[in-house]
Amino acid sequence: SHNFGLDFGISYRPFEWLNFGMVARNVNSPEFDALE
């Protein structure tokens, strides 16, 4: 079966030597068909 996943990400770099990030994956909770 086929579907799509929707991801969001943000990053913040207060200094050249430091980076913060966050990602939300499959926020639409995709489903795939499975027998039984």
PDB file of all heavy atoms in Angstrom:
ATOM      1  N   SER A   1       0.842  -1.191   0.000  1.00  0.00           N
ATOM      2  CA  SER A   1       0.000   0.000   0.000  1.00  0.00           C
ATOM      3  C   SER A   1       0.879   1.243   0.000  1.00  0.00           C
ATOM      4  O   SER A   1       2.086   1.172   0.225  1.00  0.00           O
ATOM      5  CB  SER A   1      -0.956  -0.011   1.198  1.00  0.00           C
ATOM      6  OG  SER A   1      -0.236  -0.149   2.410  1.00  0.00           O
ATOM      7  N   HIS A   2       0.256   2.391  -0.229  1.00  0.00           N
ATOM      8  CA  HIS A   2       1.000   3.634  -0.403  1.00  0.00           C
ATOM      9  C   HIS A   2       0.385   4.726   0.469  1.00  0.00           C
ATOM     10  O   HIS A   2      -0.825   4.774   0.670  1.00  0.00           O
ATOM     11  CB  HIS A   2       0.968   4.073  -1.876  1.00  0.00           C
ATOM     12  CG  HIS A   2       1.360   2.986  -2.835  1.00  0.00           C
ATOM     13  ND1 HIS A   2       2.646   2.807  -3.265  1.00  0.00           N
ATOM     14  CD2 HIS A   2       0.624   2.005  -3.420  1.00  0.00           C
ATOM     15  CE1 HIS A   2       2.687   1.783  -4.089  1.00  0.00           C
ATOM     16  NE2 HIS A   2       1.481   1.272  -4.200  1.00  0.00           N
ATOM     17  N   ASN A   3       1.257   5.625   0.961  1.00  0.00           N
ATOM     18  CA  ASN A   3       0.784   6.741   1.760  1.00  0.00           C
ATOM     19  C   ASN A   3       1.878   7.810   1.776  1.00  0.00           C
ATOM     20  O   ASN A   3       2.904   7.658   1.117  1.00  0.00           O
ATOM     21  CB  ASN A   3       0.435   6.281   3.183  1.00  0.00           C
ATOM     22  CG  ASN A   3      -0.689   7.095   3.794  1.00  0.00           C
ATOM     23  OD1 ASN A   3      -0.784   8.298   3.567  1.00  0.00           O
ATOM     24  ND2 ASN A   3      -1.544   6.431   4.564  1.00  0.00           N
ATOM     25  N   PHE A   4       1.646   8.862   2.530  1.00  0.00           N
ATOM     26  CA  PHE A   4       2.665   9.896   2.661  1.00  0.00           C
ATOM     27  C   PHE A   4       2.791  10.283   4.131  1.00  0.00           C
ATOM     28  O   PHE A   4       1.850  10.160   4.918  1.00  0.00           O
ATOM     29  CB  PHE A   4       2.330  11.131   1.811  1.00  0.00           C
ATOM     30  CG  PHE A   4       1.155  11.930   2.334  1.00  0.00           C
ATOM     31  CD1 PHE A   4       1.370  13.035   3.148  1.00  0.00           C
ATOM     32  CD2 PHE A   4      -0.140  11.583   2.015  1.00  0.00           C
ATOM     33  CE1 PHE A   4       0.304  13.765   3.637  1.00  0.00           C
ATOM     34  CE2 PHE A   4      -1.215  12.311   2.497  1.00  0.00           C
ATOM     35  CZ  PHE A   4      -0.993  13.406   3.308  1.00  0.00           C
ATOM     36  N   GLY A   5       3.973  10.693   4.506  1.00  0.00           N
ATOM     37  CA  GLY A   5       4.217  11.147   5.870  1.00  0.00           C
ATOM     38  C   GLY A   5       4.556  12.620   5.877  1.00  0.00           C
ATOM     39  O   GLY A   5       5.299  13.106   5.016  1.00  0.00           O
ATOM     40  N   LEU A   6       4.016  13.334   6.840  1.00  0.00           N
ATOM     41  CA  LEU A   6       4.230  14.774   6.949  1.00  0.00           C
ATOM     42  C   LEU A   6       5.134  15.049   8.147  1.00  0.00           C
ATOM     43  O   LEU A   6       4.819  14.662   9.280  1.00  0.00           O
ATOM     44  CB  LEU A   6       2.887  15.493   7.118  1.00  0.00           C
ATOM     45  CG  LEU A   6       2.915  17.025   7.064  1.00  0.00           C
ATOM     46  CD1 LEU A   6       3.446  17.511   5.723  1.00  0.00           C
ATOM     47  CD2 LEU A   6       1.521  17.579   7.320  1.00  0.00           C
ATOM     48  N   ASP A   7       6.267  15.684   7.893  1.00  0.00           N
ATOM     49  CA  ASP A   7       7.248  15.993   8.935  1.00  0.00           C
ATOM     50  C   ASP A   7       7.430  17.504   9.046  1.00  0.00           C
ATOM     51  O   ASP A   7       7.313  18.232   8.051  1.00  0.00           O
ATOM     52  CB  ASP A   7       8.612  15.363   8.629  1.00  0.00           C
ATOM     53  CG  ASP A   7       8.544  13.856   8.435  1.00  0.00           C
ATOM     54  OD1 ASP A   7       7.566  13.248   8.895  1.00  0.00           O
ATOM     55  OD2 ASP A   7       9.478  13.315   7.832  1.00  0.00           O
ATOM     56  N   PHE A   8       7.727  17.966  10.256  1.00  0.00           N
ATOM     57  CA  PHE A   8       8.069  19.362  10.494  1.00  0.00           C
ATOM     58  C   PHE A   8       9.353  19.421  11.316  1.00  0.00           C
ATOM     59  O   PHE A   8       9.554  18.602  12.214  1.00  0.00           O
ATOM     60  CB  PHE A   8       6.953  20.099  11.262  1.00  0.00           C
ATOM     61  CG  PHE A   8       5.679  20.274  10.488  1.00  0.00           C
ATOM     62  CD1 PHE A   8       4.587  19.462  10.738  1.00  0.00           C
ATOM     63  CD2 PHE A   8       5.579  21.242   9.502  1.00  0.00           C
ATOM     64  CE1 PHE A   8       3.413  19.612  10.024  1.00  0.00           C
ATOM     65  CE2 PHE A   8       4.411  21.396   8.779  1.00  0.00           C
ATOM     66  CZ  PHE A   8       3.322  20.589   9.050  1.00  0.00           C
ATOM     67  N   GLY A   9      10.195  20.382  11.016  1.00  0.00           N
ATOM     68  CA  GLY A   9      11.425  20.532  11.785  1.00  0.00           C
ATOM     69  C   GLY A   9      11.799  21.997  11.965  1.00  0.00           C
ATOM     70  O   GLY A   9      11.496  22.841  11.110  1.00  0.00           O
ATOM     71  N   ILE A  10      12.425  22.292  13.087  1.00  0.00           N
ATOM     72  CA  ILE A  10      12.928  23.638  13.341  1.00  0.00           C
ATOM     73  C   ILE A  10      14.336  23.518  13.917  1.00  0.00           C
ATOM     74  O   ILE A  10      14.692  22.508  14.524  1.00  0.00           O
ATOM     75  CB  ILE A  10      12.032  24.434  14.319  1.00  0.00           C
ATOM     76  CG1 ILE A  10      11.927  23.705  15.655  1.00  0.00           C
ATOM     77  CG2 ILE A  10      10.654  24.683  13.720  1.00  0.00           C
ATOM     78  CD1 ILE A  10      11.189  24.513  16.721  1.00  0.00           C
ATOM     79  N   SER A  11      15.141  24.541  13.714  1.00  0.00           N
ATOM     80  CA  SER A  11      16.479  24.578  14.296  1.00  0.00           C
ATOM     81  C   SER A  11      16.793  26.004  14.739  1.00  0.00           C
ATOM     82  O   SER A  11      16.275  26.977  14.178  1.00  0.00           O
ATOM     83  CB  SER A  11      17.529  24.086  13.290  1.00  0.00           C
ATOM     84  OG  SER A  11      17.602  24.956  12.170  1.00  0.00           O
ATOM     85  N   TYR A  12      17.628  26.103  15.741  1.00  0.00           N
ATOM     86  CA  TYR A  12      18.026  27.398  16.300  1.00  0.00           C
ATOM     87  C   TYR A  12      19.519  27.363  16.585  1.00  0.00           C
ATOM     88  O   TYR A  12      20.000  26.442  17.259  1.00  0.00           O
ATOM     89  CB  TYR A  12      17.237  27.684  17.584  1.00  0.00           C
ATOM     90  CG  TYR A  12      17.682  28.935  18.306  1.00  0.00           C
ATOM     91  CD1 TYR A  12      17.648  30.170  17.671  1.00  0.00           C
ATOM     92  CD2 TYR A  12      18.134  28.875  19.619  1.00  0.00           C
ATOM     93  CE1 TYR A  12      18.057  31.323  18.323  1.00  0.00           C
ATOM     94  CE2 TYR A  12      18.532  30.020  20.286  1.00  0.00           C
ATOM     95  CZ  TYR A  12      18.495  31.238  19.633  1.00  0.00           C
ATOM     96  OH  TYR A  12      18.907  32.369  20.289  1.00  0.00           O
ATOM     97  N   ARG A  13      20.234  28.341  16.077  1.00  0.00           N
ATOM     98  CA  ARG A  13      21.688  28.385  16.222  1.00  0.00           C
ATOM     99  C   ARG A  13      22.092  29.701  16.880  1.00  0.00           C
ATOM    100  O   ARG A  13      22.334  30.714  16.196  1.00  0.00           O
ATOM    101  CB  ARG A  13      22.353  28.242  14.861  1.00  0.00           C
ATOM    102  CG  ARG A  13      23.850  28.007  14.925  1.00  0.00           C
ATOM    103  CD  ARG A  13      24.394  27.643  13.554  1.00  0.00           C
ATOM    104  NE  ARG A  13      25.765  27.180  13.621  1.00  0.00           N
ATOM    105  CZ  ARG A  13      26.427  26.677  12.590  1.00  0.00           C
ATOM    106  NH1 ARG A  13      25.823  26.563  11.412  1.00  0.00           N
ATOM    107  NH2 ARG A  13      27.666  26.284  12.726  1.00  0.00           N
ATOM    108  N   PRO A  14      22.156  29.736  18.225  1.00  0.00           N
ATOM    109  CA  PRO A  14      22.491  30.994  18.910  1.00  0.00           C
ATOM    110  C   PRO A  14      23.948  31.405  18.730  1.00  0.00           C
ATOM    111  O   PRO A  14      24.278  32.591  18.786  1.00  0.00           O
ATOM    112  CB  PRO A  14      22.183  30.685  20.374  1.00  0.00           C
ATOM    113  CG  PRO A  14      22.327  29.198  20.488  1.00  0.00           C
ATOM    114  CD  PRO A  14      21.883  28.651  19.170  1.00  0.00           C
ATOM    115  N   PHE A  15      24.834  30.406  18.528  1.00  0.00           N
ATOM    116  CA  PHE A  15      26.248  30.669  18.313  1.00  0.00           C
ATOM    117  C   PHE A  15      26.747  29.786  17.174  1.00  0.00           C
ATOM    118  O   PHE A  15      26.115  28.789  16.824  1.00  0.00           O
ATOM    119  CB  PHE A  15      27.059  30.379  19.591  1.00  0.00           C
ATOM    120  CG  PHE A  15      26.528  31.074  20.815  1.00  0.00           C
ATOM    121  CD1 PHE A  15      25.802  30.355  21.762  1.00  0.00           C
ATOM    122  CD2 PHE A  15      26.739  32.427  21.012  1.00  0.00           C
ATOM    123  CE1 PHE A  15      25.302  30.973  22.879  1.00  0.00           C
ATOM    124  CE2 PHE A  15      26.247  33.063  22.141  1.00  0.00           C
ATOM    125  CZ  PHE A  15      25.524  32.342  23.077  1.00  0.00           C
ATOM    126  N   GLU A  16      27.893  30.133  16.626  1.00  0.00           N
ATOM    127  CA  GLU A  16      28.458  29.345  15.541  1.00  0.00           C
ATOM    128  C   GLU A  16      28.787  27.929  15.972  1.00  0.00           C
ATOM    129  O   GLU A  16      28.800  27.003  15.163  1.00  0.00           O
ATOM    130  CB  GLU A  16      29.719  30.032  14.995  1.00  0.00           C
ATOM    131  CG  GLU A  16      29.446  31.257  14.144  1.00  0.00           C
ATOM    132  CD  GLU A  16      28.694  30.910  12.859  1.00  0.00           C
ATOM    133  OE1 GLU A  16      29.038  29.892  12.234  1.00  0.00           O
ATOM    134  OE2 GLU A  16      27.760  31.652  12.510  1.00  0.00           O
ATOM    135  N   TRP A  17      29.045  27.733  17.253  1.00  0.00           N
ATOM    136  CA  TRP A  17      29.478  26.423  17.750  1.00  0.00           C
ATOM    137  C   TRP A  17      28.361  25.633  18.420  1.00  0.00           C
ATOM    138  O   TRP A  17      28.608  24.549  18.949  1.00  0.00           O
ATOM    139  CB  TRP A  17      30.625  26.596  18.757  1.00  0.00           C
ATOM    140  CG  TRP A  17      30.296  27.564  19.870  1.00  0.00           C
ATOM    141  CD1 TRP A  17      30.516  28.900  19.874  1.00  0.00           C
ATOM    142  CD2 TRP A  17      29.672  27.252  21.117  1.00  0.00           C
ATOM    143  NE1 TRP A  17      30.076  29.471  21.052  1.00  0.00           N
ATOM    144  CE2 TRP A  17      29.554  28.466  21.832  1.00  0.00           C
ATOM    145  CE3 TRP A  17      29.210  26.073  21.710  1.00  0.00           C
ATOM    146  CZ2 TRP A  17      28.983  28.531  23.099  1.00  0.00           C
ATOM    147  CZ3 TRP A  17      28.635  26.142  22.976  1.00  0.00           C
ATOM    148  CH2 TRP A  17      28.526  27.353  23.651  1.00  0.00           C
ATOM    149  N   LEU A  18      27.120  26.145  18.389  1.00  0.00           N
ATOM    150  CA  LEU A  18      26.007  25.490  19.086  1.00  0.00           C
ATOM    151  C   LEU A  18      24.759  25.524  18.238  1.00  0.00           C
ATOM    152  O   LEU A  18      24.391  26.570  17.693  1.00  0.00           O
ATOM    153  CB  LEU A  18      25.764  26.178  20.431  1.00  0.00           C
ATOM    154  CG  LEU A  18      24.647  25.605  21.309  1.00  0.00           C
ATOM    155  CD1 LEU A  18      24.951  24.177  21.718  1.00  0.00           C
ATOM    156  CD2 LEU A  18      24.452  26.490  22.543  1.00  0.00           C
ATOM    157  N   ASN A  19      24.081  24.376  18.151  1.00  0.00           N
ATOM    158  CA  ASN A  19      22.869  24.283  17.351  1.00  0.00           C
ATOM    159  C   ASN A  19      21.849  23.397  18.059  1.00  0.00           C
ATOM    160  O   ASN A  19      22.196  22.330  18.579  1.00  0.00           O
ATOM    161  CB  ASN A  19      23.194  23.702  15.968  1.00  0.00           C
ATOM    162  CG  ASN A  19      22.062  23.891  14.980  1.00  0.00           C
ATOM    163  OD1 ASN A  19      21.244  24.775  15.132  1.00  0.00           O
ATOM    164  ND2 ASN A  19      22.020  23.053  13.967  1.00  0.00           N
ATOM    165  N   PHE A  20      20.583  23.853  18.117  1.00  0.00           N
ATOM    166  CA  PHE A  20      19.480  23.089  18.687  1.00  0.00           C
ATOM    167  C   PHE A  20      18.498  22.739  17.568  1.00  0.00           C
ATOM    168  O   PHE A  20      18.313  23.517  16.630  1.00  0.00           O
ATOM    169  CB  PHE A  20      18.738  23.884  19.769  1.00  0.00           C
ATOM    170  CG  PHE A  20      19.567  24.195  20.974  1.00  0.00           C
ATOM    171  CD1 PHE A  20      20.220  25.416  21.082  1.00  0.00           C
ATOM    172  CD2 PHE A  20      19.703  23.275  22.010  1.00  0.00           C
ATOM    173  CE1 PHE A  20      21.000  25.707  22.189  1.00  0.00           C
ATOM    174  CE2 PHE A  20      20.473  23.562  23.113  1.00  0.00           C
ATOM    175  CZ  PHE A  20      21.125  24.778  23.210  1.00  0.00           C
ATOM    176  N   GLY A  21      17.843  21.585  17.693  1.00  0.00           N
ATOM    177  CA  GLY A  21      16.872  21.199  16.681  1.00  0.00           C
ATOM    178  C   GLY A  21      15.764  20.337  17.243  1.00  0.00           C
ATOM    179  O   GLY A  21      15.910  19.704  18.298  1.00  0.00           O
ATOM    180  N   MET A  22      14.636  20.339  16.548  1.00  0.00           N
ATOM    181  CA  MET A  22      13.500  19.494  16.911  1.00  0.00           C
ATOM    182  C   MET A  22      12.784  19.084  15.631  1.00  0.00           C
ATOM    183  O   MET A  22      12.641  19.891  14.705  1.00  0.00           O
ATOM    184  CB  MET A  22      12.533  20.211  17.846  1.00  0.00           C
ATOM    185  CG  MET A  22      11.347  19.346  18.285  1.00  0.00           C
ATOM    186  SD  MET A  22      10.244  20.175  19.476  1.00  0.00           S
ATOM    187  CE  MET A  22       9.481  21.372  18.387  1.00  0.00           C
ATOM    188  N   VAL A  23      12.334  17.835  15.592  1.00  0.00           N
ATOM    189  CA  VAL A  23      11.603  17.355  14.430  1.00  0.00           C
ATOM    190  C   VAL A  23      10.389  16.555  14.893  1.00  0.00           C
ATOM    191  O   VAL A  23      10.452  15.811  15.873  1.00  0.00           O
ATOM    192  CB  VAL A  23      12.511  16.494  13.513  1.00  0.00           C
ATOM    193  CG1 VAL A  23      13.012  15.257  14.255  1.00  0.00           C
ATOM    194  CG2 VAL A  23      11.778  16.082  12.249  1.00  0.00           C
ATOM    195  N   ALA A  24       9.269  16.764  14.216  1.00  0.00           N
ATOM    196  CA  ALA A  24       8.047  15.981  14.423  1.00  0.00           C
ATOM    197  C   ALA A  24       7.838  15.159  13.159  1.00  0.00           C
ATOM    198  O   ALA A  24       7.714  15.718  12.061  1.00  0.00           O
ATOM    199  CB  ALA A  24       6.849  16.882  14.683  1.00  0.00           C
ATOM    200  N   ARG A  25       7.816  13.826  13.310  1.00  0.00           N
ATOM    201  CA  ARG A  25       7.726  12.934  12.162  1.00  0.00           C
ATOM    202  C   ARG A  25       6.355  12.276  12.099  1.00  0.00           C
ATOM    203  O   ARG A  25       5.774  11.947  13.124  1.00  0.00           O
ATOM    204  CB  ARG A  25       8.806  11.859  12.243  1.00  0.00           C
ATOM    205  CG  ARG A  25      10.217  12.404  12.221  1.00  0.00           C
ATOM    206  CD  ARG A  25      11.243  11.314  12.391  1.00  0.00           C
ATOM    207  NE  ARG A  25      11.155  10.656  13.701  1.00  0.00           N
ATOM    208  CZ  ARG A  25      12.135   9.940  14.229  1.00  0.00           C
ATOM    209  NH1 ARG A  25      13.246   9.752  13.571  1.00  0.00           N
ATOM    210  NH2 ARG A  25      11.979   9.392  15.413  1.00  0.00           N
ATOM    211  N   ASN A  26       5.868  12.096  10.875  1.00  0.00           N
ATOM    212  CA  ASN A  26       4.582  11.407  10.640  1.00  0.00           C
ATOM    213  C   ASN A  26       3.457  12.019  11.473  1.00  0.00           C
ATOM    214  O   ASN A  26       2.700  11.301  12.136  1.00  0.00           O
ATOM    215  CB  ASN A  26       4.732   9.912  10.959  1.00  0.00           C
ATOM    216  CG  ASN A  26       5.740   9.225  10.069  1.00  0.00           C
ATOM    217  OD1 ASN A  26       5.815   9.502   8.873  1.00  0.00           O
ATOM    218  ND2 ASN A  26       6.532   8.340  10.641  1.00  0.00           N
ATOM    219  N   VAL A  27       3.354  13.341  11.431  1.00  0.00           N
ATOM    220  CA  VAL A  27       2.326  14.009  12.241  1.00  0.00           C
ATOM    221  C   VAL A  27       0.916  13.666  11.768  1.00  0.00           C
ATOM    222  O   VAL A  27      -0.055  13.848  12.508  1.00  0.00           O
ATOM    223  CB  VAL A  27       2.536  15.540  12.236  1.00  0.00           C
ATOM    224  CG1 VAL A  27       3.848  15.901  12.896  1.00  0.00           C
ATOM    225  CG2 VAL A  27       2.488  16.099  10.817  1.00  0.00           C
ATOM    226  N   ASN A  28       0.783  13.161  10.547  1.00  0.00           N
ATOM    227  CA  ASN A  28      -0.527  12.742  10.042  1.00  0.00           C
ATOM    228  C   ASN A  28      -0.818  11.275  10.309  1.00  0.00           C
ATOM    229  O   ASN A  28      -1.845  10.755   9.893  1.00  0.00           O
ATOM    230  CB  ASN A  28      -0.609  13.003   8.535  1.00  0.00           C
ATOM    231  CG  ASN A  28       0.469  12.255   7.757  1.00  0.00           C
ATOM    232  OD1 ASN A  28       1.610  12.158   8.203  1.00  0.00           O
ATOM    233  ND2 ASN A  28       0.118  11.732   6.599  1.00  0.00           N
ATOM    234  N   SER A  29       0.082  10.579  11.026  1.00  0.00           N
ATOM    235  CA  SER A  29      -0.096   9.162  11.382  1.00  0.00           C
ATOM    236  C   SER A  29      -0.539   8.313  10.186  1.00  0.00           C
ATOM    237  O   SER A  29      -1.644   7.769  10.164  1.00  0.00           O
ATOM    238  CB  SER A  29      -1.109   9.029  12.528  1.00  0.00           C
ATOM    239  OG  SER A  29      -0.659   9.702  13.680  1.00  0.00           O
ATOM    240  N   PRO A  30       0.307   8.178   9.164  1.00  0.00           N
ATOM    241  CA  PRO A  30      -0.088   7.391   7.978  1.00  0.00           C
ATOM    242  C   PRO A  30      -0.304   5.925   8.311  1.00  0.00           C
ATOM    243  O   PRO A  30       0.335   5.369   9.209  1.00  0.00           O
ATOM    244  CB  PRO A  30       1.099   7.582   7.022  1.00  0.00           C
ATOM    245  CG  PRO A  30       2.253   7.893   7.911  1.00  0.00           C
ATOM    246  CD  PRO A  30       1.695   8.671   9.058  1.00  0.00           C
ATOM    247  N   GLU A  31      -1.229   5.297   7.581  1.00  0.00           N
ATOM    248  CA  GLU A  31      -1.540   3.889   7.776  1.00  0.00           C
ATOM    249  C   GLU A  31      -1.218   3.087   6.524  1.00  0.00           C
ATOM    250  O   GLU A  31      -1.251   3.606   5.409  1.00  0.00           O
ATOM    251  CB  GLU A  31      -3.029   3.702   8.122  1.00  0.00           C
ATOM    252  CG  GLU A  31      -3.435   4.216   9.482  1.00  0.00           C
ATOM    253  CD  GLU A  31      -4.868   3.842   9.811  1.00  0.00           C
ATOM    254  OE1 GLU A  31      -5.582   3.377   8.894  1.00  0.00           O
ATOM    255  OE2 GLU A  31      -5.280   4.028  10.967  1.00  0.00           O
ATOM    256  N   PHE A  32      -0.902   1.792   6.747  1.00  0.00           N
ATOM    257  CA  PHE A  32      -0.632   0.874   5.650  1.00  0.00           C
ATOM    258  C   PHE A  32      -1.472  -0.380   5.844  1.00  0.00           C
ATOM    259  O   PHE A  32      -1.622  -0.875   6.961  1.00  0.00           O
ATOM    260  CB  PHE A  32       0.861   0.519   5.598  1.00  0.00           C
ATOM    261  CG  PHE A  32       1.738   1.705   5.334  1.00  0.00           C
ATOM    262  CD1 PHE A  32       2.271   2.434   6.380  1.00  0.00           C
ATOM    263  CD2 PHE A  32       2.001   2.105   4.039  1.00  0.00           C
ATOM    264  CE1 PHE A  32       3.069   3.538   6.139  1.00  0.00           C
ATOM    265  CE2 PHE A  32       2.798   3.196   3.784  1.00  0.00           C
ATOM    266  CZ  PHE A  32       3.334   3.920   4.831  1.00  0.00           C
ATOM    267  N   ASP A  33      -2.014  -0.874   4.747  1.00  0.00           N
ATOM    268  CA  ASP A  33      -2.864  -2.061   4.807  1.00  0.00           C
ATOM    269  C   ASP A  33      -2.046  -3.270   5.226  1.00  0.00           C
ATOM    270  O   ASP A  33      -0.887  -3.423   4.855  1.00  0.00           O
ATOM    271  CB  ASP A  33      -3.499  -2.333   3.438  1.00  0.00           C
ATOM    272  CG  ASP A  33      -4.422  -1.203   3.003  1.00  0.00           C
ATOM    273  OD1 ASP A  33      -4.953  -0.506   3.891  1.00  0.00           O
ATOM    274  OD2 ASP A  33      -4.587  -1.012   1.779  1.00  0.00           O
ATOM    275  N   ALA A  34      -2.665  -4.143   6.021  1.00  0.00           N
ATOM    276  CA  ALA A  34      -2.005  -5.374   6.451  1.00  0.00           C
ATOM    277  C   ALA A  34      -3.041  -6.478   6.535  1.00  0.00           C
ATOM    278  O   ALA A  34      -4.138  -6.281   7.059  1.00  0.00           O
ATOM    279  CB  ALA A  34      -1.323  -5.183   7.805  1.00  0.00           C
ATOM    280  N   LEU A  35      -2.695  -7.630   5.995  1.00  0.00           N
ATOM    281  CA  LEU A  35      -3.607  -8.767   6.042  1.00  0.00           C
ATOM    282  C   LEU A  35      -3.834  -9.215   7.485  1.00  0.00           C
ATOM    283  O   LEU A  35      -2.937  -9.153   8.325  1.00  0.00           O
ATOM    284  CB  LEU A  35      -3.030  -9.926   5.227  1.00  0.00           C
ATOM    285  CG  LEU A  35      -2.878  -9.676   3.723  1.00  0.00           C
ATOM    286  CD1 LEU A  35      -2.147 -10.840   3.073  1.00  0.00           C
ATOM    287  CD2 LEU A  35      -4.239  -9.497   3.075  1.00  0.00           C
ATOM    288  N   GLU A  36      -5.044  -9.626   7.773  1.00  0.00           N
ATOM    289  CA  GLU A  36      -5.455 -10.238   9.039  1.00  0.00           C
ATOM    290  C   GLU A  36      -5.614  -9.236  10.187  1.00  0.00           C
ATOM    291  O   GLU A  36      -6.447  -9.424  11.052  1.00  0.00           O
ATOM    292  CB  GLU A  36      -4.489 -11.354   9.474  1.00  0.00           C
ATOM    293  CG  GLU A  36      -4.387 -12.498   8.493  1.00  0.00           C
ATOM    294  CD  GLU A  36      -3.515 -13.627   9.018  1.00  0.00           C
ATOM    295  OE1 GLU A  36      -3.456 -13.804  10.256  1.00  0.00           O
ATOM    296  OE2 GLU A  36      -2.889 -14.318   8.209  1.00  0.00           O
TER     297      GLU A  36
END
